[in-house]
Amino acid sequence: MINKIGKRAFAIVFSVSVLSLGACSSAPDQEDIQRVPNRSAQALYEDAKETLDSGLYARAIELLSAIDSRYPFGPFSKQVQMDLVYAHYQSGNTEQALATVDRFIRLNPNHKDLDYMYYMRGLVNIKADKNAFQEYFGVDRADRDANRTRVAFTDLSTLVKRFPDSDYAPEAKRRLVWLLNRMARYELKVATYYYEREAYLAAANRGKFVVEHYSQSSYLDPALEMMEKSYDKLGLTELSKHAKQTRKLNNRTK
């Protein structure tokens, strides 16, 4: 009798446990439905657009991601992906923004808004480079690696070259000037580091790199000066003299 009662009690407990687990497992689905209602693509996109325009980026990402998942080939699919890039960018989720941009460019190589996607890719890479982002607010981080800055420069250069008449080209050109100066400044920071440690050849080479690759930046004169004094320390008189003469000529033509 005891064994039968024990077995029955166990069966009841087990059944209740299974039901409880079933209820728990269904809860997220109900929550998902509440979070993103089961509506048409157009209705959801109107909500998402309004949310995005209001600056509620986390909620906009939720809605846009749902549309992208539920209606991957719908009439709003391309616009949804572009809006997702912007929303991720504004929310600081740069990795997801880049992944979305790259997917869009790969799958839509001839899309009419490809210029916008290259523009956004440049902005995302600038933001991804926290050091560059901090510099906008007056924090000098030019001594850190500028890899993301170089990638952003490539993105915006691609935009300007491939889409010269794009509405985004003028702003891209302005940002390219800033990026060029930052990259040149980074090289000079490294050159200064080497010079202070008496690694004069390395310092001269960094200065030379700026002259050869970033001559349009505002750091051409400091780069020539770095070459001049570094070569002088190395006893390379002719090279030092040449750098000095080039510097004087450059200053006359300003």
C-alpha atoms as a PDB file:
ATOM      1  CA  MET A   1       0.000   0.000   0.000  1.00  0.00           C
ATOM      2  CA  ILE A   2       2.756   2.413   0.923  1.00  0.00           C
ATOM      3  CA  ASN A   3       4.599   1.671  -2.291  1.00  0.00           C
ATOM      4  CA  LYS A   4       1.450   2.304  -4.360  1.00  0.00           C
ATOM      5  CA  ILE A   5       0.793   5.601  -2.551  1.00  0.00           C
ATOM      6  CA  GLY A   6       4.446   6.572  -2.981  1.00  0.00           C
ATOM      7  CA  LYS A   7       4.344   5.802  -6.678  1.00  0.00           C
ATOM      8  CA  ARG A   8       1.098   7.741  -7.105  1.00  0.00           C
ATOM      9  CA  ALA A   9       2.496  10.728  -5.224  1.00  0.00           C
ATOM     10  CA  PHE A  10       5.592  10.643  -7.404  1.00  0.00           C
ATOM     11  CA  ALA A  11       3.425  10.536 -10.536  1.00  0.00           C
ATOM     12  CA  ILE A  12       1.437  13.570  -9.363  1.00  0.00           C
ATOM     13  CA  VAL A  13       4.587  15.503  -8.498  1.00  0.00           C
ATOM     14  CA  PHE A  14       6.187  14.543 -11.829  1.00  0.00           C
ATOM     15  CA  SER A  15       3.077  15.605 -13.771  1.00  0.00           C
ATOM     16  CA  VAL A  16       2.939  18.952 -11.984  1.00  0.00           C
ATOM     17  CA  SER A  17       6.647  19.464 -12.680  1.00  0.00           C
ATOM     18  CA  VAL A  18       6.185  18.742 -16.371  1.00  0.00           C
ATOM     19  CA  LEU A  19       3.236  21.133 -16.565  1.00  0.00           C
ATOM     20  CA  SER A  20       5.233  23.786 -14.749  1.00  0.00           C
ATOM     21  CA  LEU A  21       8.147  23.361 -17.106  1.00  0.00           C
ATOM     22  CA  GLY A  22       5.776  23.553 -20.056  1.00  0.00           C
ATOM     23  CA  ALA A  23       4.304  26.781 -18.727  1.00  0.00           C
ATOM     24  CA  CYS A  24       7.766  28.224 -18.182  1.00  0.00           C
ATOM     25  CA  SER A  25       8.928  27.259 -21.648  1.00  0.00           C
ATOM     26  CA  SER A  26       5.893  28.900 -23.236  1.00  0.00           C
ATOM     27  CA  ALA A  27       6.303  32.131 -21.267  1.00  0.00           C
ATOM     28  CA  PRO A  28       9.049  33.631 -23.482  1.00  0.00           C
ATOM     29  CA  ASP A  29       6.882  33.056 -26.566  1.00  0.00           C
ATOM     30  CA  GLN A  30       4.012  34.980 -24.977  1.00  0.00           C
ATOM     31  CA  GLU A  31       6.464  37.650 -23.944  1.00  0.00           C
ATOM     32  CA  ASP A  32       7.791  37.867 -27.490  1.00  0.00           C
ATOM     33  CA  ILE A  33       4.260  38.284 -28.832  1.00  0.00           C
ATOM     34  CA  GLN A  34       3.622  41.080 -26.344  1.00  0.00           C
ATOM     35  CA  ARG A  35       6.929  42.724 -27.192  1.00  0.00           C
ATOM     36  CA  VAL A  36       6.448  42.540 -30.960  1.00  0.00           C
ATOM     37  CA  PRO A  37       2.790  41.925 -31.878  1.00  0.00           C
ATOM     38  CA  ASN A  38       1.886  39.619 -34.743  1.00  0.00           C
ATOM     39  CA  ARG A  39       1.008  42.339 -37.244  1.00  0.00           C
ATOM     40  CA  SER A  40       1.607  42.979 -40.923  1.00  0.00           C
ATOM     41  CA  ALA A  41       5.017  44.076 -42.152  1.00  0.00           C
ATOM     42  CA  GLN A  42       3.700  47.524 -43.006  1.00  0.00           C
ATOM     43  CA  ALA A  43       2.087  48.055 -39.599  1.00  0.00           C
ATOM     44  CA  LEU A  44       5.217  46.895 -37.792  1.00  0.00           C
ATOM     45  CA  TYR A  45       7.434  49.068 -39.963  1.00  0.00           C
ATOM     46  CA  GLU A  46       5.314  52.148 -39.286  1.00  0.00           C
ATOM     47  CA  ASP A  47       5.722  51.497 -35.555  1.00  0.00           C
ATOM     48  CA  ALA A  48       9.439  50.889 -35.964  1.00  0.00           C
ATOM     49  CA  LYS A  49       9.938  54.068 -37.984  1.00  0.00           C
ATOM     50  CA  GLU A  50       8.053  56.173 -35.453  1.00  0.00           C
ATOM     51  CA  THR A  51      10.083  54.603 -32.651  1.00  0.00           C
ATOM     52  CA  LEU A  52      13.343  55.200 -34.506  1.00  0.00           C
ATOM     53  CA  ASP A  53      12.470  58.836 -35.198  1.00  0.00           C
ATOM     54  CA  SER A  54      11.737  59.263 -31.488  1.00  0.00           C
ATOM     55  CA  GLY A  55      15.250  58.126 -30.597  1.00  0.00           C
ATOM     56  CA  LEU A  56      14.118  54.937 -28.841  1.00  0.00           C
ATOM     57  CA  TYR A  57      16.827  52.884 -30.495  1.00  0.00           C
ATOM     58  CA  ALA A  58      16.630  49.726 -28.372  1.00  0.00           C
ATOM     59  CA  ARG A  59      12.912  49.365 -29.062  1.00  0.00           C
ATOM     60  CA  ALA A  60      13.419  50.234 -32.728  1.00  0.00           C
ATOM     61  CA  ILE A  61      16.035  47.470 -33.033  1.00  0.00           C
ATOM     62  CA  GLU A  62      13.567  45.045 -31.487  1.00  0.00           C
ATOM     63  CA  LEU A  63      10.842  45.933 -33.976  1.00  0.00           C
ATOM     64  CA  LEU A  64      13.117  46.101 -37.005  1.00  0.00           C
ATOM     65  CA  SER A  65      14.782  42.784 -36.136  1.00  0.00           C
ATOM     66  CA  ALA A  66      11.351  41.167 -35.877  1.00  0.00           C
ATOM     67  CA  ILE A  67      10.392  42.461 -39.323  1.00  0.00           C
ATOM     68  CA  ASP A  68      13.728  41.315 -40.741  1.00  0.00           C
ATOM     69  CA  SER A  69      13.177  37.863 -39.286  1.00  0.00           C
ATOM     70  CA  ARG A  70       9.487  37.460 -40.120  1.00  0.00           C
ATOM     71  CA  TYR A  71       9.480  39.101 -43.551  1.00  0.00           C
ATOM     72  CA  PRO A  72      13.021  38.642 -44.970  1.00  0.00           C
ATOM     73  CA  PHE A  73      11.825  39.070 -48.566  1.00  0.00           C
ATOM     74  CA  GLY A  74       9.091  41.608 -47.915  1.00  0.00           C
ATOM     75  CA  PRO A  75       8.751  45.043 -49.513  1.00  0.00           C
ATOM     76  CA  PHE A  76      10.418  46.698 -46.512  1.00  0.00           C
ATOM     77  CA  SER A  77      13.346  44.291 -46.161  1.00  0.00           C
ATOM     78  CA  LYS A  78      16.054  46.551 -47.632  1.00  0.00           C
ATOM     79  CA  GLN A  79      14.873  49.660 -45.793  1.00  0.00           C
ATOM     80  CA  VAL A  80      14.623  47.665 -42.573  1.00  0.00           C
ATOM     81  CA  GLN A  81      18.261  46.619 -42.871  1.00  0.00           C
ATOM     82  CA  MET A  82      19.371  50.203 -43.508  1.00  0.00           C
ATOM     83  CA  ASP A  83      17.374  51.399 -40.514  1.00  0.00           C
ATOM     84  CA  LEU A  84      18.888  48.631 -38.413  1.00  0.00           C
ATOM     85  CA  VAL A  85      22.370  49.880 -39.253  1.00  0.00           C
ATOM     86  CA  TYR A  86      21.446  53.374 -38.119  1.00  0.00           C
ATOM     87  CA  ALA A  87      19.750  52.134 -34.939  1.00  0.00           C
ATOM     88  CA  HIS A  88      22.708  49.935 -33.991  1.00  0.00           C
ATOM     89  CA  TYR A  89      25.080  52.826 -34.726  1.00  0.00           C
ATOM     90  CA  GLN A  90      23.128  55.198 -32.497  1.00  0.00           C
ATOM     91  CA  SER A  91      22.916  52.640 -29.704  1.00  0.00           C
ATOM     92  CA  GLY A  92      26.686  52.040 -29.820  1.00  0.00           C
ATOM     93  CA  ASN A  93      26.413  48.445 -31.039  1.00  0.00           C
ATOM     94  CA  THR A  94      29.085  48.901 -33.696  1.00  0.00           C
ATOM     95  CA  GLU A  95      29.855  45.229 -34.323  1.00  0.00           C
ATOM     96  CA  GLN A  96      26.236  44.448 -35.143  1.00  0.00           C
ATOM     97  CA  ALA A  97      26.001  47.573 -37.285  1.00  0.00           C
ATOM     98  CA  LEU A  98      29.074  46.515 -39.293  1.00  0.00           C
ATOM     99  CA  ALA A  99      27.740  42.987 -39.715  1.00  0.00           C
ATOM    100  CA  THR A 100      24.459  44.355 -41.063  1.00  0.00           C
ATOM    101  CA  VAL A 101      26.228  46.772 -43.414  1.00  0.00           C
ATOM    102  CA  ASP A 102      28.522  44.067 -44.767  1.00  0.00           C
ATOM    103  CA  ARG A 103      25.630  41.701 -45.352  1.00  0.00           C
ATOM    104  CA  PHE A 104      23.693  44.411 -47.175  1.00  0.00           C
ATOM    105  CA  ILE A 105      26.631  45.360 -49.421  1.00  0.00           C
ATOM    106  CA  ARG A 106      27.378  41.709 -50.181  1.00  0.00           C
ATOM    107  CA  LEU A 107      23.781  40.842 -51.123  1.00  0.00           C
ATOM    108  CA  ASN A 108      22.887  44.133 -52.837  1.00  0.00           C
ATOM    109  CA  PRO A 109      25.974  45.271 -54.799  1.00  0.00           C
ATOM    110  CA  ASN A 110      23.893  47.463 -57.137  1.00  0.00           C
ATOM    111  CA  HIS A 111      21.371  48.903 -54.715  1.00  0.00           C
ATOM    112  CA  LYS A 112      20.434  52.558 -55.248  1.00  0.00           C
ATOM    113  CA  ASP A 113      21.311  53.408 -51.620  1.00  0.00           C
ATOM    114  CA  LEU A 114      24.709  51.741 -51.573  1.00  0.00           C
ATOM    115  CA  ASP A 115      26.338  55.152 -51.107  1.00  0.00           C
ATOM    116  CA  TYR A 116      24.479  55.546 -47.809  1.00  0.00           C
ATOM    117  CA  MET A 117      25.697  52.165 -46.621  1.00  0.00           C
ATOM    118  CA  TYR A 118      29.336  53.040 -47.325  1.00  0.00           C
ATOM    119  CA  TYR A 119      28.801  56.335 -45.549  1.00  0.00           C
ATOM    120  CA  MET A 120      27.351  54.566 -42.523  1.00  0.00           C
ATOM    121  CA  ARG A 121      30.163  52.013 -42.585  1.00  0.00           C
ATOM    122  CA  GLY A 122      32.646  54.861 -42.314  1.00  0.00           C
ATOM    123  CA  LEU A 123      30.743  56.433 -39.429  1.00  0.00           C
ATOM    124  CA  VAL A 124      30.437  53.108 -37.627  1.00  0.00           C
ATOM    125  CA  ASN A 125      34.173  52.461 -37.917  1.00  0.00           C
ATOM    126  CA  ILE A 126      34.911  55.922 -36.550  1.00  0.00           C
ATOM    127  CA  LYS A 127      32.635  55.218 -33.626  1.00  0.00           C
ATOM    128  CA  ALA A 128      34.128  51.764 -33.155  1.00  0.00           C
ATOM    129  CA  ASP A 129      37.489  53.376 -32.687  1.00  0.00           C
ATOM    130  CA  LYS A 130      36.885  54.614 -29.170  1.00  0.00           C
ATOM    131  CA  ASN A 131      40.072  56.565 -29.202  1.00  0.00           C
ATOM    132  CA  ALA A 132      38.998  58.543 -32.259  1.00  0.00           C
ATOM    133  CA  PHE A 133      35.552  58.995 -30.776  1.00  0.00           C
ATOM    134  CA  GLN A 134      37.045  60.410 -27.571  1.00  0.00           C
ATOM    135  CA  GLU A 135      39.183  62.779 -29.607  1.00  0.00           C
ATOM    136  CA  TYR A 136      36.062  64.512 -30.863  1.00  0.00           C
ATOM    137  CA  PHE A 137      35.560  65.583 -27.280  1.00  0.00           C
ATOM    138  CA  GLY A 138      39.081  66.872 -26.758  1.00  0.00           C
ATOM    139  CA  VAL A 139      40.722  63.734 -25.375  1.00  0.00           C
ATOM    140  CA  ASP A 140      44.090  63.256 -27.084  1.00  0.00           C
ATOM    141  CA  ARG A 141      44.428  59.574 -27.976  1.00  0.00           C
ATOM    142  CA  ALA A 142      46.584  59.894 -31.086  1.00  0.00           C
ATOM    143  CA  ASP A 143      49.244  57.689 -29.498  1.00  0.00           C
ATOM    144  CA  ARG A 144      46.986  54.636 -29.838  1.00  0.00           C
ATOM    145  CA  ASP A 145      46.626  52.409 -32.881  1.00  0.00           C
ATOM    146  CA  ALA A 146      44.533  53.991 -35.635  1.00  0.00           C
ATOM    147  CA  ASN A 147      43.468  50.825 -37.454  1.00  0.00           C
ATOM    148  CA  ARG A 148      39.742  51.581 -37.333  1.00  0.00           C
ATOM    149  CA  THR A 149      40.465  55.108 -38.516  1.00  0.00           C
ATOM    150  CA  ARG A 150      42.257  53.709 -41.554  1.00  0.00           C
ATOM    151  CA  VAL A 151      39.312  51.426 -42.314  1.00  0.00           C
ATOM    152  CA  ALA A 152      36.909  54.357 -41.974  1.00  0.00           C
ATOM    153  CA  PHE A 153      39.117  56.357 -44.336  1.00  0.00           C
ATOM    154  CA  THR A 154      38.883  53.544 -46.902  1.00  0.00           C
ATOM    155  CA  ASP A 155      35.083  53.359 -46.519  1.00  0.00           C
ATOM    156  CA  LEU A 156      34.555  57.084 -47.058  1.00  0.00           C
ATOM    157  CA  SER A 157      37.121  57.189 -49.874  1.00  0.00           C
ATOM    158  CA  THR A 158      35.167  54.424 -51.617  1.00  0.00           C
ATOM    159  CA  LEU A 159      32.003  56.479 -51.264  1.00  0.00           C
ATOM    160  CA  VAL A 160      33.601  59.621 -52.731  1.00  0.00           C
ATOM    161  CA  LYS A 161      35.231  57.749 -55.637  1.00  0.00           C
ATOM    162  CA  ARG A 162      32.316  55.512 -56.588  1.00  0.00           C
ATOM    163  CA  PHE A 163      29.516  57.970 -55.868  1.00  0.00           C
ATOM    164  CA  PRO A 164      30.909  61.484 -56.409  1.00  0.00           C
ATOM    165  CA  ASP A 165      27.415  62.937 -56.840  1.00  0.00           C
ATOM    166  CA  SER A 166      26.039  61.352 -53.690  1.00  0.00           C
ATOM    167  CA  ASP A 167      24.310  63.573 -51.146  1.00  0.00           C
ATOM    168  CA  TYR A 168      26.714  62.102 -48.583  1.00  0.00           C
ATOM    169  CA  ALA A 169      29.891  62.916 -50.555  1.00  0.00           C
ATOM    170  CA  PRO A 170      30.401  66.479 -49.189  1.00  0.00           C
ATOM    171  CA  GLU A 171      30.195  65.328 -45.570  1.00  0.00           C
ATOM    172  CA  ALA A 172      32.386  62.325 -46.374  1.00  0.00           C
ATOM    173  CA  LYS A 173      35.055  64.664 -47.784  1.00  0.00           C
ATOM    174  CA  ARG A 174      35.022  66.761 -44.614  1.00  0.00           C
ATOM    175  CA  ARG A 175      35.432  63.675 -42.492  1.00  0.00           C
ATOM    176  CA  LEU A 176      38.240  62.429 -44.736  1.00  0.00           C
ATOM    177  CA  VAL A 177      40.234  65.576 -43.945  1.00  0.00           C
ATOM    178  CA  TRP A 178      39.826  64.905 -40.226  1.00  0.00           C
ATOM    179  CA  LEU A 179      40.751  61.236 -40.634  1.00  0.00           C
ATOM    180  CA  LEU A 180      43.814  62.081 -42.712  1.00  0.00           C
ATOM    181  CA  ASN A 181      45.076  64.458 -40.045  1.00  0.00           C
ATOM    182  CA  ARG A 182      44.468  61.915 -37.324  1.00  0.00           C
ATOM    183  CA  MET A 183      46.429  59.220 -39.132  1.00  0.00           C
ATOM    184  CA  ALA A 184      49.319  61.616 -39.784  1.00  0.00           C
ATOM    185  CA  ARG A 185      49.257  62.727 -36.175  1.00  0.00           C
ATOM    186  CA  TYR A 186      49.372  59.134 -35.007  1.00  0.00           C
ATOM    187  CA  GLU A 187      52.503  58.473 -37.090  1.00  0.00           C
ATOM    188  CA  LEU A 188      54.176  61.564 -35.622  1.00  0.00           C
ATOM    189  CA  LYS A 189      53.315  60.475 -32.093  1.00  0.00           C
ATOM    190  CA  VAL A 190      55.067  57.188 -32.786  1.00  0.00           C
ATOM    191  CA  ALA A 191      57.996  59.032 -34.387  1.00  0.00           C
ATOM    192  CA  THR A 192      58.341  61.182 -31.266  1.00  0.00           C
ATOM    193  CA  TYR A 193      58.302  58.053 -29.113  1.00  0.00           C
ATOM    194  CA  TYR A 194      61.194  56.595 -31.123  1.00  0.00           C
ATOM    195  CA  TYR A 195      63.122  59.870 -31.197  1.00  0.00           C
ATOM    196  CA  GLU A 196      62.948  60.277 -27.425  1.00  0.00           C
ATOM    197  CA  ARG A 197      64.382  56.770 -27.084  1.00  0.00           C
ATOM    198  CA  GLU A 198      67.186  57.543 -29.542  1.00  0.00           C
ATOM    199  CA  ALA A 199      65.802  55.198 -32.179  1.00  0.00           C
ATOM    200  CA  TYR A 200      66.473  57.868 -34.789  1.00  0.00           C
ATOM    201  CA  LEU A 201      66.182  55.737 -37.907  1.00  0.00           C
ATOM    202  CA  ALA A 202      62.728  54.505 -36.869  1.00  0.00           C
ATOM    203  CA  ALA A 203      61.733  58.108 -36.075  1.00  0.00           C
ATOM    204  CA  ALA A 204      62.934  59.309 -39.492  1.00  0.00           C
ATOM    205  CA  ASN A 205      61.056  56.519 -41.251  1.00  0.00           C
ATOM    206  CA  ARG A 206      57.826  57.459 -39.500  1.00  0.00           C
ATOM    207  CA  GLY A 207      58.291  61.068 -40.560  1.00  0.00           C
ATOM    208  CA  LYS A 208      59.013  59.910 -44.112  1.00  0.00           C
ATOM    209  CA  PHE A 209      55.826  57.825 -44.089  1.00  0.00           C
ATOM    210  CA  VAL A 210      53.780  60.939 -43.314  1.00  0.00           C
ATOM    211  CA  VAL A 211      55.484  62.859 -46.135  1.00  0.00           C
ATOM    212  CA  GLU A 212      54.861  60.053 -48.628  1.00  0.00           C
ATOM    213  CA  HIS A 213      51.308  59.105 -47.638  1.00  0.00           C
ATOM    214  CA  TYR A 214      49.778  62.057 -45.804  1.00  0.00           C
ATOM    215  CA  SER A 215      51.320  65.039 -47.566  1.00  0.00           C
ATOM    216  CA  GLN A 216      47.893  66.689 -47.794  1.00  0.00           C
ATOM    217  CA  SER A 217      47.532  66.697 -44.023  1.00  0.00           C
ATOM    218  CA  SER A 218      48.423  69.601 -41.756  1.00  0.00           C
ATOM    219  CA  TYR A 219      51.356  67.576 -40.355  1.00  0.00           C
ATOM    220  CA  LEU A 220      53.673  67.731 -43.346  1.00  0.00           C
ATOM    221  CA  ASP A 221      55.949  70.373 -41.801  1.00  0.00           C
ATOM    222  CA  PRO A 222      56.346  68.550 -38.445  1.00  0.00           C
ATOM    223  CA  ALA A 223      57.078  65.336 -40.360  1.00  0.00           C
ATOM    224  CA  LEU A 224      59.867  67.014 -42.357  1.00  0.00           C
ATOM    225  CA  GLU A 225      61.234  68.491 -39.160  1.00  0.00           C
ATOM    226  CA  MET A 226      61.283  65.028 -37.590  1.00  0.00           C
ATOM    227  CA  MET A 227      63.195  63.698 -40.602  1.00  0.00           C
ATOM    228  CA  GLU A 228      65.647  66.602 -40.490  1.00  0.00           C
ATOM    229  CA  LYS A 229      66.607  66.227 -36.842  1.00  0.00           C
ATOM    230  CA  SER A 230      66.577  62.416 -36.910  1.00  0.00           C
ATOM    231  CA  TYR A 231      68.930  62.266 -39.898  1.00  0.00           C
ATOM    232  CA  ASP A 232      71.105  64.866 -38.219  1.00  0.00           C
ATOM    233  CA  LYS A 233      71.405  62.622 -35.134  1.00  0.00           C
ATOM    234  CA  LEU A 234      72.365  59.737 -37.395  1.00  0.00           C
ATOM    235  CA  GLY A 235      75.058  61.815 -39.070  1.00  0.00           C
ATOM    236  CA  LEU A 236      73.250  61.622 -42.408  1.00  0.00           C
ATOM    237  CA  THR A 237      73.991  65.221 -43.302  1.00  0.00           C
ATOM    238  CA  GLU A 238      72.764  65.194 -46.893  1.00  0.00           C
ATOM    239  CA  LEU A 239      69.420  63.634 -46.006  1.00  0.00           C
ATOM    240  CA  SER A 240      68.997  66.082 -43.131  1.00  0.00           C
ATOM    241  CA  LYS A 241      69.815  69.009 -45.420  1.00  0.00           C
ATOM    242  CA  HIS A 242      67.367  67.761 -48.065  1.00  0.00           C
ATOM    243  CA  ALA A 243      64.561  67.496 -45.496  1.00  0.00           C
ATOM    244  CA  LYS A 244      65.335  71.030 -44.299  1.00  0.00           C
ATOM    245  CA  GLN A 245      65.277  72.438 -47.828  1.00  0.00           C
ATOM    246  CA  THR A 246      62.009  70.644 -48.625  1.00  0.00           C
ATOM    247  CA  ARG A 247      60.531  72.057 -45.455  1.00  0.00           C
ATOM    248  CA  LYS A 248      61.572  75.624 -46.370  1.00  0.00           C
ATOM    249  CA  LEU A 249      60.195  75.246 -49.883  1.00  0.00           C
ATOM    250  CA  ASN A 250      56.951  73.880 -48.518  1.00  0.00           C
ATOM    251  CA  ASN A 251      56.586  76.834 -46.134  1.00  0.00           C
ATOM    252  CA  ARG A 252      57.161  79.322 -48.966  1.00  0.00           C
ATOM    253  CA  THR A 253      54.398  77.846 -51.084  1.00  0.00           C
ATOM    254  CA  LYS A 254      51.795  78.040 -48.309  1.00  0.00           C
END
